[in-house]
């Protein structure tokens, strides 16, 4: 049986669209709960879409600032953003 694996870099998020928590977690190689903790602390700006609990999105510019503030180079990310 032949199984072809797709690398994380090939599963890009569309350019210009806001990022989901799971996209950021994959990029940073951390658990999504770590990203939620950063959002809750206010270190990573986000907004909620939808009614009820909805879903959380992070603007790309906010994520770029988050990385820059922590000195994380984009080349270190596990996912191409």
Protein backbone atom coordinates (compact mmCIF):
# COMPACT_ATOMS: atom_id res chain seq x y z
CA UNK A 1 0.00 0.00 0.00
CA UNK A 2 1.35 3.44 -0.95
CA UNK A 3 0.43 6.43 1.17
CA UNK A 4 1.52 9.90 0.16
CA UNK A 5 1.98 12.29 3.03
CA UNK A 6 1.37 16.00 2.65
CA UNK A 7 3.76 18.20 4.59
CA UNK A 8 2.38 20.92 6.86
CA UNK A 9 3.83 23.60 4.57
CA UNK A 10 1.56 22.37 1.76
CA UNK A 11 -1.57 22.85 3.86
CA UNK A 12 -1.48 26.64 3.73
CA UNK A 13 -4.18 28.92 4.96
CA UNK A 14 -5.48 31.21 2.19
CA UNK A 15 -3.51 34.44 2.09
CA UNK A 16 -5.23 37.39 3.71
CA UNK A 17 -7.74 35.36 5.67
CA UNK A 18 -7.68 35.46 9.47
CA UNK A 19 -6.07 32.52 11.23
CA UNK A 20 -7.82 29.86 13.26
CA UNK A 21 -6.48 28.71 16.61
CA UNK A 22 -5.59 25.31 15.19
CA UNK A 23 -3.59 26.96 12.36
CA UNK A 24 -1.55 28.97 14.87
CA UNK A 25 -1.05 25.93 17.11
CA UNK A 26 0.22 23.90 14.15
CA UNK A 27 2.52 26.71 13.04
CA UNK A 28 4.05 27.07 16.51
CA UNK A 29 4.04 23.32 17.19
CA UNK A 30 2.05 23.73 20.39
CA UNK A 31 -1.26 22.46 21.72
CA UNK A 32 -4.30 24.61 20.88
CA UNK A 33 -4.83 25.15 24.62
CA UNK A 34 -1.55 27.10 24.66
CA UNK A 35 -2.88 29.41 21.95
CA UNK A 36 -6.16 29.86 23.85
CA UNK A 37 -4.13 30.77 26.96
CA UNK A 38 -2.20 33.42 25.00
CA UNK A 39 -5.49 34.84 23.70
CA UNK A 40 -7.08 34.84 27.16
CA UNK A 41 -4.05 36.63 28.63
CA UNK A 42 -4.32 39.36 25.99
CA UNK A 43 -0.90 38.66 24.48
CA UNK A 44 -2.47 37.47 21.21
CA UNK A 45 -5.33 39.70 19.94
CA UNK A 46 -8.34 37.91 18.53
CA UNK A 47 -12.04 38.25 17.80
CA UNK A 48 -15.02 35.92 17.85
CA UNK A 49 -17.21 35.10 14.85
CA UNK A 50 -20.71 33.68 15.06
CA UNK A 51 -23.37 33.39 17.67
CA UNK A 52 -23.10 31.61 20.98
CA UNK A 53 -19.60 30.35 21.54
CA UNK A 54 -18.76 31.05 17.91
CA UNK A 55 -15.22 30.59 16.68
CA UNK A 56 -12.06 32.56 17.37
CA UNK A 57 -10.00 34.18 14.63
CA UNK A 58 -6.66 35.98 14.85
CA UNK A 59 -5.77 38.67 12.31
CA UNK A 60 -2.57 37.88 10.40
CA UNK A 61 -1.08 41.25 11.36
CA UNK A 62 -1.69 40.49 15.05
CA UNK A 63 0.01 37.11 14.71
CA UNK A 64 2.95 38.72 12.89
CA UNK A 65 3.31 41.25 15.75
CA UNK A 66 3.07 38.42 18.29
CA UNK A 67 5.92 36.59 16.55
CA UNK A 68 8.04 39.74 16.22
CA UNK A 69 7.53 40.68 19.89
CA UNK A 70 8.85 37.27 20.90
CA UNK A 71 11.66 37.14 18.36
CA UNK A 72 10.25 34.12 16.56
CA UNK A 73 11.39 34.12 12.92
CA UNK A 74 8.77 33.11 10.35
CA UNK A 75 11.21 30.50 9.02
CA UNK A 76 10.80 28.62 12.34
CA UNK A 77 7.08 28.06 11.79
CA UNK A 78 5.91 24.52 11.02
CA UNK A 79 3.27 25.82 8.58
CA UNK A 80 3.69 28.33 5.77
CA UNK A 81 1.41 31.25 6.53
